[in-house]
Amino acid sequence: MKLNKENYKEVLKGISVVEVSGESCANCLTLMPILARLVGNRNDCTLHHLEVDETTLPICEEFGVEAVPTILIMKDDKVVSKCRGYQPEEILEIWLDSKIEEIK
């Protein structure tokens, strides 16, 4: 689900993976299908997308996002873990598994 300033507090319930990206970011575009596949194979979290633009800057500041791509693992609307930059699929899968298990 695409997050915006009106819906993010209501949408982020339970364990969420938030993919933060920029419109013209090549690494973001490459990462999106990988992350969708990895999270899609899980039943313990949901995937959300936050596009960085002038309307979402306050959310990015609240979550401490300084660059794209950034992946956030959240429990409700609180950031639990953060990964910045493009990561190979194997590394990303290990990181996701580890961080989500820590939350559970």
C-alpha atoms as a PDB file:
ATOM      1  CA  MET A   1       0.000   0.000   0.000  1.00  0.00           C
ATOM      2  CA  LYS A   2       1.210   3.489  -0.786  1.00  0.00           C
ATOM      3  CA  LEU A   3       1.638   5.621   2.312  1.00  0.00           C
ATOM      4  CA  ASN A   4       0.860   9.310   2.592  1.00  0.00           C
ATOM      5  CA  LYS A   5       0.547  11.862   5.380  1.00  0.00           C
ATOM      6  CA  GLU A   6      -3.172  11.168   5.760  1.00  0.00           C
ATOM      7  CA  ASN A   7      -3.052   7.382   6.111  1.00  0.00           C
ATOM      8  CA  TYR A   8       0.308   6.251   7.463  1.00  0.00           C
ATOM      9  CA  LYS A   9      -0.570   6.112  11.180  1.00  0.00           C
ATOM     10  CA  GLU A  10      -3.698   4.049  10.513  1.00  0.00           C
ATOM     11  CA  VAL A  11      -2.062   1.775   7.919  1.00  0.00           C
ATOM     12  CA  LEU A  12       1.080   0.888   9.868  1.00  0.00           C
ATOM     13  CA  LYS A  13      -0.289  -1.740  12.244  1.00  0.00           C
ATOM     14  CA  GLY A  14       1.591  -4.824  13.343  1.00  0.00           C
ATOM     15  CA  ILE A  15       4.898  -5.565  11.636  1.00  0.00           C
ATOM     16  CA  SER A  16       5.433  -3.593   8.436  1.00  0.00           C
ATOM     17  CA  VAL A  17       8.214  -3.304   5.894  1.00  0.00           C
ATOM     18  CA  VAL A  18       8.276   0.158   4.343  1.00  0.00           C
ATOM     19  CA  GLU A  19      10.148   0.704   1.107  1.00  0.00           C
ATOM     20  CA  VAL A  20      11.096   4.386   0.847  1.00  0.00           C
ATOM     21  CA  SER A  21      12.033   5.472  -2.653  1.00  0.00           C
ATOM     22  CA  GLY A  22      12.394   8.372  -5.010  1.00  0.00           C
ATOM     23  CA  GLU A  23      10.698   8.681  -8.356  1.00  0.00           C
ATOM     24  CA  SER A  24      13.875   8.726 -10.460  1.00  0.00           C
ATOM     25  CA  CYS A  25      16.036   6.480  -8.263  1.00  0.00           C
ATOM     26  CA  ALA A  26      17.363   3.542 -10.325  1.00  0.00           C
ATOM     27  CA  ASN A  27      18.334   1.528  -7.238  1.00  0.00           C
ATOM     28  CA  CYS A  28      14.834   2.060  -5.820  1.00  0.00           C
ATOM     29  CA  LEU A  29      13.221   0.737  -8.989  1.00  0.00           C
ATOM     30  CA  THR A  30      15.527  -2.298  -8.949  1.00  0.00           C
ATOM     31  CA  LEU A  31      14.850  -2.992  -5.279  1.00  0.00           C
ATOM     32  CA  MET A  32      11.037  -2.760  -5.407  1.00  0.00           C
ATOM     33  CA  PRO A  33      10.288  -6.135  -7.091  1.00  0.00           C
ATOM     34  CA  ILE A  34      12.908  -7.917  -4.969  1.00  0.00           C
ATOM     35  CA  LEU A  35      11.416  -6.582  -1.762  1.00  0.00           C
ATOM     36  CA  ALA A  36       7.872  -7.358  -2.974  1.00  0.00           C
ATOM     37  CA  ARG A  37       8.891 -10.972  -3.607  1.00  0.00           C
ATOM     38  CA  LEU A  38      10.670 -11.373  -0.261  1.00  0.00           C
ATOM     39  CA  VAL A  39       7.855  -9.870   1.798  1.00  0.00           C
ATOM     40  CA  GLY A  40       5.237 -11.612  -0.349  1.00  0.00           C
ATOM     41  CA  ASN A  41       6.684 -14.961   0.730  1.00  0.00           C
ATOM     42  CA  ARG A  42       6.051 -14.081   4.392  1.00  0.00           C
ATOM     43  CA  ASN A  43       2.813 -14.084   6.363  1.00  0.00           C
ATOM     44  CA  ASP A  44       4.108 -12.159   9.395  1.00  0.00           C
ATOM     45  CA  CYS A  45       4.455  -8.669   7.888  1.00  0.00           C
ATOM     46  CA  THR A  46       3.024  -6.354   5.265  1.00  0.00           C
ATOM     47  CA  LEU A  47       4.794  -4.276   2.622  1.00  0.00           C
ATOM     48  CA  HIS A  48       4.134  -0.568   2.159  1.00  0.00           C
ATOM     49  CA  HIS A  49       5.608   2.029  -0.173  1.00  0.00           C
ATOM     50  CA  LEU A  50       6.544   5.596   0.706  1.00  0.00           C
ATOM     51  CA  GLU A  51       7.423   7.805  -2.256  1.00  0.00           C
ATOM     52  CA  VAL A  52       9.571  10.752  -1.231  1.00  0.00           C
ATOM     53  CA  ASP A  53       8.142  14.059  -2.433  1.00  0.00           C
ATOM     54  CA  GLU A  54       7.242  17.415  -0.933  1.00  0.00           C
ATOM     55  CA  THR A  55       4.092  16.000   0.681  1.00  0.00           C
ATOM     56  CA  THR A  56       5.859  13.084   2.394  1.00  0.00           C
ATOM     57  CA  LEU A  57       8.952  14.932   3.672  1.00  0.00           C
ATOM     58  CA  PRO A  58       7.496  15.288   7.198  1.00  0.00           C
ATOM     59  CA  ILE A  59       6.992  11.508   7.372  1.00  0.00           C
ATOM     60  CA  CYS A  60      10.537  10.913   6.121  1.00  0.00           C
ATOM     61  CA  GLU A  61      11.883  13.253   8.785  1.00  0.00           C
ATOM     62  CA  GLU A  62       9.811  11.535  11.476  1.00  0.00           C
ATOM     63  CA  PHE A  63      11.196   8.143  10.401  1.00  0.00           C
ATOM     64  CA  GLY A  64      14.791   9.438  10.080  1.00  0.00           C
ATOM     65  CA  VAL A  65      15.060   8.752   6.351  1.00  0.00           C
ATOM     66  CA  GLU A  66      18.038  10.595   4.895  1.00  0.00           C
ATOM     67  CA  ALA A  67      18.520   8.846   1.548  1.00  0.00           C
ATOM     68  CA  VAL A  68      16.762   6.533  -0.876  1.00  0.00           C
ATOM     69  CA  PRO A  69      16.347   3.680  -1.108  1.00  0.00           C
ATOM     70  CA  THR A  70      15.710   3.039   2.569  1.00  0.00           C
ATOM     71  CA  ILE A  71      13.910   0.029   3.988  1.00  0.00           C
ATOM     72  CA  LEU A  72      12.227   0.389   7.350  1.00  0.00           C
ATOM     73  CA  ILE A  73      10.996  -2.413   9.534  1.00  0.00           C
ATOM     74  CA  MET A  74       8.275  -1.075  11.774  1.00  0.00           C
ATOM     75  CA  LYS A  75       6.168  -2.253  14.666  1.00  0.00           C
ATOM     76  CA  ASP A  76       2.959  -0.271  14.424  1.00  0.00           C
ATOM     77  CA  ASP A  77       4.117   3.272  13.534  1.00  0.00           C
ATOM     78  CA  LYS A  78       7.571   3.032  15.214  1.00  0.00           C
ATOM     79  CA  VAL A  79      10.802   2.334  13.321  1.00  0.00           C
ATOM     80  CA  VAL A  80      12.515  -0.758  14.723  1.00  0.00           C
ATOM     81  CA  SER A  81      15.255  -1.191  12.118  1.00  0.00           C
ATOM     82  CA  LYS A  82      16.519   0.629   9.045  1.00  0.00           C
ATOM     83  CA  CYS A  83      18.580  -0.400   6.007  1.00  0.00           C
ATOM     84  CA  ARG A  84      19.853   2.286   3.668  1.00  0.00           C
ATOM     85  CA  GLY A  85      20.944   1.786   0.072  1.00  0.00           C
ATOM     86  CA  TYR A  86      20.600  -1.068  -2.369  1.00  0.00           C
ATOM     87  CA  GLN A  87      21.305  -4.522  -0.944  1.00  0.00           C
ATOM     88  CA  PRO A  88      21.704  -7.812  -2.829  1.00  0.00           C
ATOM     89  CA  GLU A  89      18.684 -10.087  -2.478  1.00  0.00           C
ATOM     90  CA  GLU A  90      20.482 -12.685  -0.350  1.00  0.00           C
ATOM     91  CA  ILE A  91      21.711 -10.078   2.151  1.00  0.00           C
ATOM     92  CA  LEU A  92      18.329  -8.381   2.239  1.00  0.00           C
ATOM     93  CA  GLU A  93      16.569 -11.678   2.952  1.00  0.00           C
ATOM     94  CA  ILE A  94      18.914 -12.485   5.860  1.00  0.00           C
ATOM     95  CA  TRP A  95      18.462  -8.974   7.273  1.00  0.00           C
ATOM     96  CA  LEU A  96      14.668  -9.130   6.996  1.00  0.00           C
ATOM     97  CA  ASP A  97      14.506 -12.580   8.603  1.00  0.00           C
ATOM     98  CA  SER A  98      16.730 -11.511  11.474  1.00  0.00           C
ATOM     99  CA  LYS A  99      15.016  -8.214  12.242  1.00  0.00           C
ATOM    100  CA  ILE A 100      11.472  -9.536  11.958  1.00  0.00           C
ATOM    101  CA  GLU A 101      12.292 -12.469  14.250  1.00  0.00           C
ATOM    102  CA  GLU A 102      13.674  -9.999  16.812  1.00  0.00           C
ATOM    103  CA  ILE A 103      10.340  -8.163  16.846  1.00  0.00           C
ATOM    104  CA  LYS A 104       8.216 -11.292  17.228  1.00  0.00           C
END
